[in-house]
Amino acid sequence: MYFNEEEKWSPTYDKEGIYTDKNGDSAYIPQGFQVSEVENQNTIDDGLVVRDENENEWVWIEVPTSIYKTALSNEEYENIEKDLQAYANSYRSTYVDTWYSEAQHGLEKTEYDDLKKAMLKSIYDRGGFFIGRYEVGTQTPRYTANDELTTPIIKQDAYPYNWVTCKQAQTEAKDLATGEKTSSLMFGIQWDLVCKFIEEKGYLENGTKITKDMIDKSKDWGNF
């Protein structure tokens, strides 16, 4: 059966809304986004695929609301983080998300703290978050650190966005956001939650083996 490009995506959401898949599972969809209508891309269990106004593609990472044991509101940031860490504790180890320097993060301390709070609040309110479906790329190749820094894209077959510092990557990541939304490099807890999502959906084994497998095999499957 043939599908043209328009038939692969839902109509654009003219306001933020909730998408419910065939299994009855739901995900938050921002205004201006479209939902994939391709089989195995349109359910939460498989990783719901959406795209934004610029046709960058994203995947919904579900975080169950049942995990919150200490956080009672969306502004109890420390408790939200504590509950998220407990949920993803197989991947948390001893690491914490913390600010080091503006030179490293590309963010002042207050900016970092505000962005982290917004992330925690959004996950609590929305029941998940979106990550790029593909590794961030660029439309033109970069061969040296002096090549022009263009707005990154999250699309299939893009050139790798290399020769970029963490500070530059964070600055450019902001430009991926449209409308009232925000975008950023992932915080550590978000990567842990991605690992937990993959585990919960049965794609990889849980426990300590998964941690070693994630390290050993990440070169094979990358940031998908």
N, C-alpha and C. Protein backbone atom coordinates (compact mmCIF):
# COMPACT_ATOMS: atom_id res chain seq x y z
N MET A 1 0.85 -1.19 0.00
CA MET A 1 0.00 0.00 0.00
C MET A 1 0.89 1.25 0.00
N TYR A 2 0.54 2.22 -0.79
CA TYR A 2 1.34 3.44 -0.91
C TYR A 2 0.76 4.56 -0.04
N PHE A 3 1.65 5.22 0.67
CA PHE A 3 1.26 6.39 1.46
C PHE A 3 2.10 7.57 0.99
N ASN A 4 1.48 8.68 0.67
CA ASN A 4 2.28 9.87 0.44
C ASN A 4 2.60 10.53 1.77
N GLU A 5 3.48 11.53 1.74
CA GLU A 5 3.98 12.11 2.99
C GLU A 5 2.86 12.68 3.84
N GLU A 6 1.87 13.30 3.20
CA GLU A 6 0.78 13.93 3.96
C GLU A 6 -0.04 12.90 4.71
N GLU A 7 -0.14 11.68 4.17
CA GLU A 7 -0.97 10.66 4.77
C GLU A 7 -0.31 9.97 5.96
N LYS A 8 0.97 10.24 6.18
CA LYS A 8 1.68 9.60 7.26
C LYS A 8 1.52 10.33 8.59
N TRP A 9 0.94 11.52 8.56
CA TRP A 9 0.89 12.35 9.76
C TRP A 9 -0.54 12.82 10.01
N SER A 10 -0.86 12.96 11.27
CA SER A 10 -2.17 13.48 11.65
C SER A 10 -2.28 14.95 11.24
N PRO A 11 -3.47 15.52 11.27
CA PRO A 11 -3.57 16.97 11.12
C PRO A 11 -2.79 17.66 12.23
N THR A 12 -2.32 18.86 11.97
CA THR A 12 -1.57 19.63 12.96
C THR A 12 -2.48 20.02 14.12
N TYR A 13 -2.01 19.83 15.34
CA TYR A 13 -2.78 20.23 16.51
C TYR A 13 -2.82 21.76 16.58
N ASP A 14 -4.02 22.34 16.51
CA ASP A 14 -4.13 23.80 16.54
C ASP A 14 -4.06 24.35 17.97
N LYS A 15 -4.07 23.45 18.93
CA LYS A 15 -3.83 23.78 20.33
C LYS A 15 -3.30 22.53 21.02
N GLU A 16 -2.67 22.69 22.18
CA GLU A 16 -2.13 21.51 22.85
C GLU A 16 -3.26 20.56 23.19
N GLY A 17 -2.94 19.27 23.18
CA GLY A 17 -3.98 18.29 23.43
C GLY A 17 -3.42 16.96 23.90
N ILE A 18 -4.29 15.98 24.01
CA ILE A 18 -3.93 14.64 24.45
C ILE A 18 -4.23 13.66 23.32
N TYR A 19 -3.22 12.87 22.97
CA TYR A 19 -3.39 11.81 21.99
C TYR A 19 -3.57 10.49 22.72
N THR A 20 -4.58 9.72 22.32
CA THR A 20 -4.82 8.40 22.90
C THR A 20 -4.65 7.35 21.81
N ASP A 21 -3.78 6.37 22.06
CA ASP A 21 -3.51 5.37 21.03
C ASP A 21 -4.51 4.23 21.09
N LYS A 22 -4.33 3.23 20.23
CA LYS A 22 -5.28 2.13 20.12
C LYS A 22 -5.31 1.26 21.38
N ASN A 23 -4.28 1.37 22.21
CA ASN A 23 -4.24 0.59 23.46
C ASN A 23 -4.85 1.36 24.63
N GLY A 24 -5.27 2.59 24.39
CA GLY A 24 -5.85 3.39 25.45
C GLY A 24 -4.83 4.20 26.22
N ASP A 25 -3.55 4.15 25.81
CA ASP A 25 -2.49 4.94 26.46
C ASP A 25 -2.45 6.34 25.86
N SER A 26 -2.06 7.32 26.68
CA SER A 26 -2.14 8.71 26.25
C SER A 26 -0.81 9.42 26.35
N ALA A 27 -0.66 10.46 25.54
CA ALA A 27 0.53 11.31 25.57
C ALA A 27 0.12 12.74 25.30
N TYR A 28 0.85 13.66 25.88
CA TYR A 28 0.63 15.09 25.66
C TYR A 28 1.21 15.49 24.30
N ILE A 29 0.45 16.26 23.52
CA ILE A 29 0.92 16.74 22.22
C ILE A 29 0.88 18.27 22.22
N PRO A 30 2.01 18.93 22.01
CA PRO A 30 2.02 20.40 22.00
C PRO A 30 1.32 20.97 20.77
N GLN A 31 0.92 22.20 20.86
CA GLN A 31 0.34 22.91 19.73
C GLN A 31 1.35 22.96 18.58
N GLY A 32 0.87 22.76 17.37
CA GLY A 32 1.73 22.83 16.20
C GLY A 32 2.38 21.51 15.82
N PHE A 33 2.18 20.47 16.62
CA PHE A 33 2.79 19.17 16.34
C PHE A 33 1.83 18.27 15.55
N GLN A 34 2.40 17.27 14.90
CA GLN A 34 1.63 16.22 14.24
C GLN A 34 2.07 14.88 14.79
N VAL A 35 1.15 13.90 14.78
CA VAL A 35 1.42 12.55 15.28
C VAL A 35 1.56 11.60 14.09
N SER A 36 2.56 10.73 14.16
CA SER A 36 2.75 9.76 13.10
C SER A 36 1.55 8.80 13.03
N GLU A 37 1.17 8.44 11.81
CA GLU A 37 0.11 7.47 11.61
C GLU A 37 0.67 6.16 11.05
N VAL A 38 1.98 6.00 11.12
CA VAL A 38 2.64 4.78 10.66
C VAL A 38 2.59 3.72 11.76
N GLU A 39 2.29 2.50 11.39
CA GLU A 39 2.26 1.39 12.35
C GLU A 39 3.62 1.28 13.05
N ASN A 40 3.57 1.02 14.36
CA ASN A 40 4.76 0.92 15.22
C ASN A 40 5.40 2.27 15.55
N GLN A 41 4.77 3.34 15.10
CA GLN A 41 5.23 4.67 15.48
C GLN A 41 4.11 5.46 16.15
N ASN A 42 2.93 4.86 16.24
CA ASN A 42 1.77 5.61 16.72
C ASN A 42 1.21 5.08 18.04
N THR A 43 2.02 4.30 18.78
CA THR A 43 1.61 3.87 20.11
C THR A 43 2.67 4.26 21.13
N ILE A 44 2.23 4.50 22.36
CA ILE A 44 3.15 4.91 23.42
C ILE A 44 4.14 3.79 23.72
N ASP A 45 3.68 2.54 23.71
CA ASP A 45 4.57 1.41 24.02
C ASP A 45 5.74 1.31 23.05
N ASP A 46 5.50 1.63 21.79
CA ASP A 46 6.55 1.53 20.78
C ASP A 46 7.39 2.80 20.69
N GLY A 47 6.99 3.84 21.41
CA GLY A 47 7.67 5.12 21.31
C GLY A 47 6.95 6.00 20.31
N LEU A 48 5.96 6.75 20.77
CA LEU A 48 5.13 7.58 19.90
C LEU A 48 5.98 8.62 19.18
N VAL A 49 5.89 8.67 17.85
CA VAL A 49 6.66 9.61 17.05
C VAL A 49 5.79 10.81 16.66
N VAL A 50 6.34 11.99 16.85
CA VAL A 50 5.65 13.22 16.45
C VAL A 50 6.65 14.10 15.70
N ARG A 51 6.15 15.14 15.06
CA ARG A 51 7.06 16.11 14.46
C ARG A 51 6.52 17.52 14.71
N ASP A 52 7.45 18.48 14.74
CA ASP A 52 7.07 19.86 15.03
C ASP A 52 6.88 20.66 13.75
N GLU A 53 6.72 21.98 13.91
CA GLU A 53 6.45 22.85 12.78
C GLU A 53 7.58 22.84 11.75
N ASN A 54 8.81 22.53 12.20
CA ASN A 54 9.96 22.50 11.30
C ASN A 54 10.30 21.09 10.82
N GLU A 55 9.39 20.15 11.10
CA GLU A 55 9.51 18.76 10.69
C GLU A 55 10.66 18.03 11.38
N ASN A 56 11.10 18.54 12.53
CA ASN A 56 11.98 17.77 13.40
C ASN A 56 11.15 16.69 14.07
N GLU A 57 11.69 15.49 14.22
CA GLU A 57 10.93 14.37 14.77
C GLU A 57 11.36 14.05 16.20
N TRP A 58 10.36 13.73 17.01
CA TRP A 58 10.56 13.51 18.44
C TRP A 58 9.86 12.22 18.87
N VAL A 59 10.29 11.66 19.98
CA VAL A 59 9.68 10.45 20.55
C VAL A 59 9.26 10.73 21.98
N TRP A 60 8.06 10.31 22.33
CA TRP A 60 7.50 10.51 23.66
C TRP A 60 8.04 9.47 24.63
N ILE A 61 8.63 9.93 25.73
CA ILE A 61 9.11 9.05 26.79
C ILE A 61 8.13 9.14 27.96
N GLU A 62 7.38 8.08 28.16
CA GLU A 62 6.35 8.04 29.19
C GLU A 62 6.98 7.89 30.58
N VAL A 63 6.47 8.66 31.54
CA VAL A 63 6.88 8.53 32.95
C VAL A 63 5.60 8.37 33.76
N PRO A 64 5.32 7.19 34.29
CA PRO A 64 4.05 6.96 34.98
C PRO A 64 3.83 7.90 36.17
N THR A 65 2.63 8.41 36.31
CA THR A 65 2.32 9.30 37.43
C THR A 65 2.29 8.54 38.75
N SER A 66 2.19 7.22 38.70
CA SER A 66 2.12 6.41 39.92
C SER A 66 3.44 6.35 40.68
N ILE A 67 4.53 6.86 40.08
CA ILE A 67 5.85 6.76 40.72
C ILE A 67 6.04 7.77 41.84
N TYR A 68 5.17 8.78 41.91
CA TYR A 68 5.41 9.87 42.86
C TYR A 68 4.94 9.46 44.26
N LYS A 69 5.92 9.25 45.12
CA LYS A 69 5.65 8.82 46.49
C LYS A 69 5.83 9.95 47.49
N THR A 70 6.67 10.93 47.15
CA THR A 70 6.93 12.05 48.08
C THR A 70 6.46 13.37 47.52
N ALA A 71 6.48 13.56 46.21
CA ALA A 71 6.06 14.82 45.60
C ALA A 71 4.54 14.90 45.54
N LEU A 72 4.00 15.98 46.11
CA LEU A 72 2.55 16.16 46.16
C LEU A 72 2.08 17.30 45.28
N SER A 73 3.02 18.04 44.66
CA SER A 73 2.65 19.13 43.76
C SER A 73 3.76 19.32 42.74
N ASN A 74 3.45 20.09 41.68
CA ASN A 74 4.41 20.26 40.59
C ASN A 74 5.52 21.25 40.90
N GLU A 75 5.53 21.82 42.09
CA GLU A 75 6.60 22.73 42.47
C GLU A 75 7.47 22.18 43.60
N GLU A 76 7.25 20.94 43.97
CA GLU A 76 8.11 20.28 44.96
C GLU A 76 9.28 19.64 44.19
N TYR A 77 10.16 20.50 43.70
CA TYR A 77 11.17 20.06 42.75
C TYR A 77 12.10 19.00 43.31
N GLU A 78 12.53 19.19 44.54
CA GLU A 78 13.45 18.21 45.13
C GLU A 78 12.77 16.85 45.27
N ASN A 79 11.50 16.86 45.66
CA ASN A 79 10.78 15.59 45.83
C ASN A 79 10.47 14.94 44.48
N ILE A 80 10.16 15.76 43.47
CA ILE A 80 9.94 15.21 42.14
C ILE A 80 11.20 14.50 41.66
N GLU A 81 12.34 15.19 41.81
CA GLU A 81 13.60 14.60 41.39
C GLU A 81 13.91 13.34 42.18
N LYS A 82 13.63 13.36 43.47
CA LYS A 82 13.87 12.19 44.31
C LYS A 82 13.03 11.00 43.83
N ASP A 83 11.78 11.24 43.51
CA ASP A 83 10.91 10.16 43.04
C ASP A 83 11.35 9.64 41.67
N LEU A 84 11.78 10.54 40.79
CA LEU A 84 12.27 10.13 39.48
C LEU A 84 13.54 9.28 39.62
N GLN A 85 14.42 9.70 40.53
CA GLN A 85 15.65 8.95 40.75
C GLN A 85 15.36 7.56 41.31
N ALA A 86 14.39 7.48 42.21
CA ALA A 86 14.03 6.18 42.78
C ALA A 86 13.46 5.25 41.70
N TYR A 87 12.67 5.82 40.80
CA TYR A 87 12.06 5.03 39.73
C TYR A 87 13.12 4.50 38.77
N ALA A 88 14.12 5.32 38.48
CA ALA A 88 15.16 4.95 37.51
C ALA A 88 16.47 4.59 38.21
N ASN A 89 16.38 4.04 39.41
CA ASN A 89 17.58 3.86 40.22
C ASN A 89 18.58 2.86 39.64
N SER A 90 18.16 2.00 38.72
CA SER A 90 19.10 1.07 38.10
C SER A 90 20.16 1.80 37.29
N TYR A 91 19.83 3.01 36.88
CA TYR A 91 20.71 3.77 35.99
C TYR A 91 21.28 5.02 36.66
N ARG A 92 20.86 5.28 37.89
CA ARG A 92 21.22 6.52 38.55
C ARG A 92 22.62 6.49 39.12
N SER A 93 23.06 5.35 39.65
CA SER A 93 24.36 5.21 40.29
C SER A 93 24.53 6.31 41.34
N THR A 94 25.68 6.98 41.35
CA THR A 94 25.92 8.03 42.35
C THR A 94 25.88 9.41 41.71
N TYR A 95 25.49 9.48 40.44
CA TYR A 95 25.54 10.76 39.73
C TYR A 95 24.36 11.64 40.10
N VAL A 96 24.59 12.95 40.06
CA VAL A 96 23.52 13.93 40.30
C VAL A 96 23.58 14.98 39.20
N ASP A 97 22.44 15.61 38.92
CA ASP A 97 22.40 16.72 37.97
C ASP A 97 22.73 17.99 38.72
N THR A 98 23.81 18.63 38.35
CA THR A 98 24.20 19.84 39.05
C THR A 98 24.92 20.78 38.10
N TRP A 99 24.91 22.06 38.41
CA TRP A 99 25.58 23.09 37.60
C TRP A 99 27.05 23.15 37.98
N TYR A 100 27.91 23.27 36.98
CA TYR A 100 29.35 23.39 37.23
C TYR A 100 29.86 24.79 36.88
N SER A 101 29.58 25.22 35.67
CA SER A 101 30.05 26.54 35.26
C SER A 101 29.33 26.97 34.00
N GLU A 102 29.23 28.26 33.80
CA GLU A 102 28.62 28.79 32.58
C GLU A 102 29.45 28.40 31.37
N ALA A 103 30.76 28.34 31.56
CA ALA A 103 31.66 27.98 30.46
C ALA A 103 31.39 26.57 29.97
N GLN A 104 31.00 25.67 30.89
CA GLN A 104 30.75 24.29 30.50
C GLN A 104 29.34 24.11 29.97
N HIS A 105 28.34 24.61 30.68
CA HIS A 105 26.95 24.37 30.32
C HIS A 105 26.39 25.34 29.29
N GLY A 106 26.99 26.54 29.21
CA GLY A 106 26.37 27.56 28.38
C GLY A 106 25.21 28.23 29.07
N LEU A 107 25.09 28.01 30.37
CA LEU A 107 23.99 28.57 31.15
C LEU A 107 24.54 29.16 32.45
N GLU A 108 24.02 30.32 32.82
CA GLU A 108 24.33 30.83 34.15
C GLU A 108 23.62 29.96 35.18
N LYS A 109 24.05 30.05 36.44
CA LYS A 109 23.48 29.21 37.49
C LYS A 109 21.97 29.36 37.58
N THR A 110 21.48 30.60 37.54
CA THR A 110 20.03 30.81 37.64
C THR A 110 19.30 30.23 36.43
N GLU A 111 19.91 30.33 35.23
CA GLU A 111 19.30 29.76 34.03
C GLU A 111 19.22 28.25 34.14
N TYR A 112 20.31 27.65 34.60
CA TYR A 112 20.34 26.20 34.76
C TYR A 112 19.26 25.75 35.74
N ASP A 113 19.18 26.42 36.89
CA ASP A 113 18.21 26.04 37.91
C ASP A 113 16.78 26.20 37.40
N ASP A 114 16.51 27.29 36.68
CA ASP A 114 15.18 27.52 36.15
C ASP A 114 14.81 26.47 35.10
N LEU A 115 15.78 26.12 34.25
CA LEU A 115 15.53 25.12 33.22
C LEU A 115 15.28 23.74 33.84
N LYS A 116 16.04 23.41 34.87
CA LYS A 116 15.85 22.13 35.54
C LYS A 116 14.49 22.07 36.22
N LYS A 117 14.09 23.15 36.87
CA LYS A 117 12.78 23.19 37.51
C LYS A 117 11.66 23.05 36.49
N ALA A 118 11.81 23.73 35.36
CA ALA A 118 10.80 23.64 34.31
C ALA A 118 10.69 22.22 33.77
N MET A 119 11.83 21.55 33.63
CA MET A 119 11.85 20.18 33.17
C MET A 119 11.12 19.27 34.15
N LEU A 120 11.45 19.38 35.44
CA LEU A 120 10.83 18.53 36.46
C LEU A 120 9.32 18.78 36.53
N LYS A 121 8.94 20.05 36.49
CA LYS A 121 7.51 20.40 36.55
C LYS A 121 6.76 19.86 35.35
N SER A 122 7.36 19.95 34.17
CA SER A 122 6.71 19.49 32.96
C SER A 122 6.52 17.98 32.98
N ILE A 123 7.54 17.23 33.42
CA ILE A 123 7.40 15.78 33.50
C ILE A 123 6.30 15.40 34.48
N TYR A 124 6.25 16.10 35.60
CA TYR A 124 5.23 15.82 36.61
C TYR A 124 3.84 16.09 36.05
N ASP A 125 3.67 17.23 35.36
CA ASP A 125 2.36 17.62 34.85
C ASP A 125 1.93 16.80 33.64
N ARG A 126 2.89 16.52 32.75
CA ARG A 126 2.55 15.92 31.46
C ARG A 126 2.66 14.40 31.44
N GLY A 127 3.38 13.83 32.41
CA GLY A 127 3.54 12.38 32.42
C GLY A 127 4.58 11.88 31.45
N GLY A 128 5.55 12.75 31.11
CA GLY A 128 6.61 12.33 30.22
C GLY A 128 7.27 13.53 29.56
N PHE A 129 8.07 13.25 28.53
CA PHE A 129 8.76 14.31 27.80
C PHE A 129 9.17 13.78 26.44
N PHE A 130 9.55 14.68 25.54
CA PHE A 130 9.98 14.30 24.20
C PHE A 130 11.50 14.37 24.08
N ILE A 131 12.08 13.39 23.39
CA ILE A 131 13.49 13.45 23.03
C ILE A 131 13.58 13.38 21.50
N GLY A 132 14.71 13.83 20.96
CA GLY A 132 14.91 13.75 19.52
C GLY A 132 14.89 12.31 19.05
N ARG A 133 14.19 12.06 17.94
CA ARG A 133 14.13 10.71 17.40
C ARG A 133 15.48 10.28 16.83
N TYR A 134 16.19 11.21 16.28
CA TYR A 134 17.51 10.94 15.71
C TYR A 134 18.56 11.78 16.44
N GLU A 135 19.80 11.37 16.30
CA GLU A 135 20.88 12.19 16.83
C GLU A 135 20.82 13.56 16.16
N VAL A 136 21.03 14.61 16.93
CA VAL A 136 20.97 15.95 16.37
C VAL A 136 21.98 16.09 15.24
N GLY A 137 21.54 16.70 14.14
CA GLY A 137 22.40 16.85 12.98
C GLY A 137 22.34 18.24 12.39
N THR A 138 22.90 18.38 11.21
CA THR A 138 22.92 19.66 10.51
C THR A 138 22.75 19.41 9.03
N GLN A 139 22.27 20.41 8.30
CA GLN A 139 22.02 20.24 6.87
C GLN A 139 23.31 20.29 6.06
N THR A 140 24.34 20.91 6.62
CA THR A 140 25.62 20.99 5.94
C THR A 140 26.70 20.42 6.85
N PRO A 141 27.67 19.69 6.29
CA PRO A 141 28.70 19.06 7.14
C PRO A 141 29.62 20.09 7.78
N ARG A 142 30.12 19.74 8.97
CA ARG A 142 31.10 20.57 9.67
C ARG A 142 32.39 19.77 9.76
N TYR A 143 33.48 20.36 9.30
CA TYR A 143 34.76 19.67 9.25
C TYR A 143 35.75 20.19 10.29
N THR A 144 35.51 21.40 10.78
CA THR A 144 36.40 21.99 11.79
C THR A 144 35.57 22.76 12.80
N ALA A 145 36.19 23.12 13.91
CA ALA A 145 35.50 23.90 14.93
C ALA A 145 35.19 25.31 14.47
N ASN A 146 35.79 25.73 13.39
CA ASN A 146 35.56 27.08 12.87
C ASN A 146 34.42 27.17 11.87
N ASP A 147 33.87 26.01 11.46
CA ASP A 147 32.75 26.03 10.52
C ASP A 147 31.52 26.66 11.16
N GLU A 148 30.67 27.23 10.33
CA GLU A 148 29.49 27.94 10.84
C GLU A 148 28.60 27.03 11.66
N LEU A 149 28.10 27.56 12.78
CA LEU A 149 27.14 26.84 13.61
C LEU A 149 25.74 27.17 13.13
N THR A 150 25.10 26.22 12.47
CA THR A 150 23.75 26.43 11.97
C THR A 150 22.74 25.82 12.93
N THR A 151 21.48 26.19 12.77
CA THR A 151 20.43 25.63 13.63
C THR A 151 20.38 24.12 13.46
N PRO A 152 20.45 23.35 14.53
CA PRO A 152 20.43 21.89 14.41
C PRO A 152 19.08 21.37 13.94
N ILE A 153 19.10 20.17 13.40
CA ILE A 153 17.87 19.51 12.97
C ILE A 153 17.83 18.11 13.55
N ILE A 154 16.62 17.56 13.68
CA ILE A 154 16.43 16.18 14.15
C ILE A 154 15.65 15.45 13.07
N LYS A 155 16.39 15.05 12.05
CA LYS A 155 15.78 14.42 10.89
C LYS A 155 16.69 13.28 10.41
N GLN A 156 16.08 12.36 9.70
CA GLN A 156 16.83 11.23 9.17
C GLN A 156 17.87 11.70 8.15
N ASP A 157 19.03 11.05 8.17
CA ASP A 157 20.08 11.28 7.18
C ASP A 157 20.71 12.66 7.24
N ALA A 158 20.64 13.32 8.38
CA ALA A 158 21.34 14.60 8.54
C ALA A 158 22.82 14.35 8.75
N TYR A 159 23.64 15.37 8.48
CA TYR A 159 25.07 15.26 8.78
C TYR A 159 25.26 15.31 10.30
N PRO A 160 26.22 14.57 10.84
CA PRO A 160 26.48 14.64 12.29
C PRO A 160 26.84 16.07 12.72
N TYR A 161 26.31 16.48 13.84
CA TYR A 161 26.62 17.83 14.36
C TYR A 161 27.87 17.71 15.23
N ASN A 162 29.04 17.67 14.56
CA ASN A 162 30.29 17.46 15.29
C ASN A 162 31.08 18.77 15.39
N TRP A 163 32.25 18.68 16.04
CA TRP A 163 33.08 19.86 16.30
C TRP A 163 32.29 20.91 17.09
N VAL A 164 31.56 20.46 18.10
CA VAL A 164 30.71 21.35 18.89
C VAL A 164 31.01 21.12 20.37
N THR A 165 31.18 22.20 21.12
CA THR A 165 31.38 22.08 22.56
C THR A 165 30.04 21.89 23.26
N CYS A 166 30.07 21.48 24.51
CA CYS A 166 28.83 21.35 25.30
C CYS A 166 28.10 22.69 25.37
N LYS A 167 28.85 23.76 25.59
CA LYS A 167 28.24 25.09 25.68
C LYS A 167 27.57 25.46 24.36
N GLN A 168 28.25 25.21 23.24
CA GLN A 168 27.66 25.51 21.94
C GLN A 168 26.42 24.66 21.68
N ALA A 169 26.50 23.38 22.05
CA ALA A 169 25.38 22.47 21.83
C ALA A 169 24.15 22.93 22.61
N GLN A 170 24.35 23.35 23.86
CA GLN A 170 23.23 23.82 24.66
C GLN A 170 22.62 25.08 24.06
N THR A 171 23.47 26.00 23.61
CA THR A 171 22.98 27.23 22.99
C THR A 171 22.17 26.92 21.74
N GLU A 172 22.68 26.03 20.90
CA GLU A 172 21.98 25.68 19.67
C GLU A 172 20.71 24.88 19.96
N ALA A 173 20.72 24.07 21.02
CA ALA A 173 19.54 23.27 21.36
C ALA A 173 18.33 24.14 21.66
N LYS A 174 18.58 25.31 22.22
CA LYS A 174 17.48 26.23 22.52
C LYS A 174 16.70 26.60 21.26
N ASP A 175 17.41 26.66 20.12
CA ASP A 175 16.79 27.11 18.88
C ASP A 175 15.85 26.07 18.28
N LEU A 176 15.87 24.85 18.83
CA LEU A 176 14.96 23.82 18.33
C LEU A 176 13.53 24.03 18.81
N ALA A 177 13.36 24.81 19.86
CA ALA A 177 12.03 25.03 20.42
C ALA A 177 11.23 25.99 19.54
N THR A 178 9.94 25.76 19.45
CA THR A 178 9.05 26.65 18.72
C THR A 178 7.89 27.05 19.63
N GLY A 179 7.28 28.18 19.33
CA GLY A 179 6.15 28.64 20.13
C GLY A 179 6.52 28.87 21.58
N GLU A 180 5.70 28.36 22.49
CA GLU A 180 5.93 28.53 23.93
C GLU A 180 6.73 27.38 24.53
N LYS A 181 7.23 26.48 23.70
CA LYS A 181 7.95 25.30 24.20
C LYS A 181 9.42 25.63 24.45
N THR A 182 10.09 24.77 25.18
CA THR A 182 11.52 24.92 25.43
C THR A 182 12.23 23.63 25.03
N SER A 183 13.50 23.76 24.64
CA SER A 183 14.31 22.59 24.34
C SER A 183 15.69 22.79 24.93
N SER A 184 16.37 21.68 25.16
CA SER A 184 17.64 21.72 25.86
C SER A 184 18.37 20.40 25.63
N LEU A 185 19.68 20.39 25.91
CA LEU A 185 20.34 19.11 26.09
C LEU A 185 19.66 18.38 27.24
N MET A 186 19.68 17.06 27.21
CA MET A 186 19.03 16.32 28.27
C MET A 186 19.78 16.43 29.59
N PHE A 187 19.04 16.52 30.68
CA PHE A 187 19.61 16.34 32.00
C PHE A 187 19.86 14.84 32.21
N GLY A 188 20.76 14.52 33.14
CA GLY A 188 21.09 13.12 33.39
C GLY A 188 19.88 12.29 33.75
N ILE A 189 18.99 12.84 34.58
CA ILE A 189 17.81 12.08 35.00
C ILE A 189 16.92 11.75 33.81
N GLN A 190 16.91 12.60 32.79
CA GLN A 190 16.10 12.30 31.61
C GLN A 190 16.67 11.11 30.84
N TRP A 191 18.00 11.03 30.74
CA TRP A 191 18.59 9.86 30.09
C TRP A 191 18.28 8.60 30.87
N ASP A 192 18.34 8.69 32.21
CA ASP A 192 17.99 7.54 33.04
C ASP A 192 16.55 7.11 32.77
N LEU A 193 15.67 8.09 32.59
CA LEU A 193 14.26 7.79 32.34
C LEU A 193 14.06 7.17 30.95
N VAL A 194 14.89 7.57 29.99
CA VAL A 194 14.84 6.93 28.67
C VAL A 194 15.21 5.45 28.82
N CYS A 195 16.28 5.17 29.57
CA CYS A 195 16.69 3.78 29.80
C CYS A 195 15.57 3.00 30.50
N LYS A 196 14.94 3.62 31.47
CA LYS A 196 13.86 2.96 32.20
C LYS A 196 12.66 2.70 31.30
N PHE A 197 12.36 3.64 30.41
CA PHE A 197 11.27 3.45 29.46
C PHE A 197 11.53 2.23 28.59
N ILE A 198 12.76 2.12 28.06
CA ILE A 198 13.13 0.97 27.22
C ILE A 198 13.00 -0.33 28.01
N GLU A 199 13.44 -0.29 29.26
CA GLU A 199 13.34 -1.47 30.12
C GLU A 199 11.87 -1.84 30.37
N GLU A 200 11.07 -0.84 30.75
CA GLU A 200 9.67 -1.09 31.10
C GLU A 200 8.88 -1.65 29.93
N LYS A 201 9.23 -1.24 28.72
CA LYS A 201 8.50 -1.71 27.55
C LYS A 201 8.99 -3.07 27.07
N GLY A 202 9.97 -3.65 27.78
CA GLY A 202 10.38 -5.01 27.51
C GLY A 202 11.38 -5.19 26.41
N TYR A 203 12.03 -4.09 25.99
CA TYR A 203 12.98 -4.20 24.90
C TYR A 203 14.37 -4.64 25.36
N LEU A 204 14.67 -4.49 26.64
CA LEU A 204 15.96 -4.89 27.19
C LEU A 204 15.75 -5.45 28.58
N GLU A 205 16.68 -6.24 29.05
CA GLU A 205 16.57 -6.82 30.38
C GLU A 205 16.82 -5.76 31.44
N ASN A 206 16.21 -5.97 32.61
CA ASN A 206 16.42 -5.00 33.69
C ASN A 206 17.59 -5.41 34.58
N GLY A 207 17.85 -4.61 35.60
CA GLY A 207 18.91 -4.93 36.54
C GLY A 207 20.28 -4.46 36.07
N THR A 208 21.32 -4.98 36.70
CA THR A 208 22.67 -4.50 36.44
C THR A 208 23.14 -4.86 35.03
N LYS A 209 22.65 -5.95 34.47
CA LYS A 209 23.09 -6.36 33.13
C LYS A 209 22.74 -5.29 32.11
N ILE A 210 21.58 -4.68 32.27
CA ILE A 210 21.17 -3.68 31.30
C ILE A 210 22.14 -2.50 31.28
N THR A 211 22.66 -2.14 32.44
CA THR A 211 23.58 -1.02 32.50
C THR A 211 24.83 -1.32 31.68
N LYS A 212 25.39 -2.52 31.82
CA LYS A 212 26.57 -2.89 31.05
C LYS A 212 26.23 -3.00 29.57
N ASP A 213 25.06 -3.57 29.25
CA ASP A 213 24.66 -3.68 27.86
C ASP A 213 24.48 -2.32 27.21
N MET A 214 23.92 -1.38 27.99
CA MET A 214 23.71 -0.04 27.44
C MET A 214 25.04 0.59 27.08
N ILE A 215 26.03 0.37 27.92
CA ILE A 215 27.36 0.94 27.66
C ILE A 215 28.02 0.22 26.49
N ASP A 216 27.99 -1.11 26.51
CA ASP A 216 28.69 -1.89 25.50
C ASP A 216 28.05 -1.77 24.11
N LYS A 217 26.72 -1.66 24.08
CA LYS A 217 26.02 -1.73 22.80
C LYS A 217 25.52 -0.38 22.30
N SER A 218 25.73 0.68 23.06
CA SER A 218 25.16 1.97 22.67
C SER A 218 25.69 2.42 21.31
N LYS A 219 26.90 1.99 20.96
CA LYS A 219 27.45 2.38 19.66
C LYS A 219 26.64 1.77 18.52
N ASP A 220 25.89 0.70 18.79
CA ASP A 220 25.11 0.04 17.76
C ASP A 220 23.74 0.67 17.55
N TRP A 221 23.16 1.22 18.60
CA TRP A 221 21.80 1.74 18.43
C TRP A 221 21.66 3.22 18.77
N GLY A 222 22.64 3.80 19.45
CA GLY A 222 22.71 5.25 19.58
C GLY A 222 21.52 5.90 20.24
N ASN A 223 21.31 7.17 19.94
CA ASN A 223 20.26 7.97 20.57
C ASN A 223 19.00 7.93 19.72
N PHE A 224 18.26 6.82 19.81
CA PHE A 224 17.03 6.68 19.04
C PHE A 224 15.83 6.74 19.97
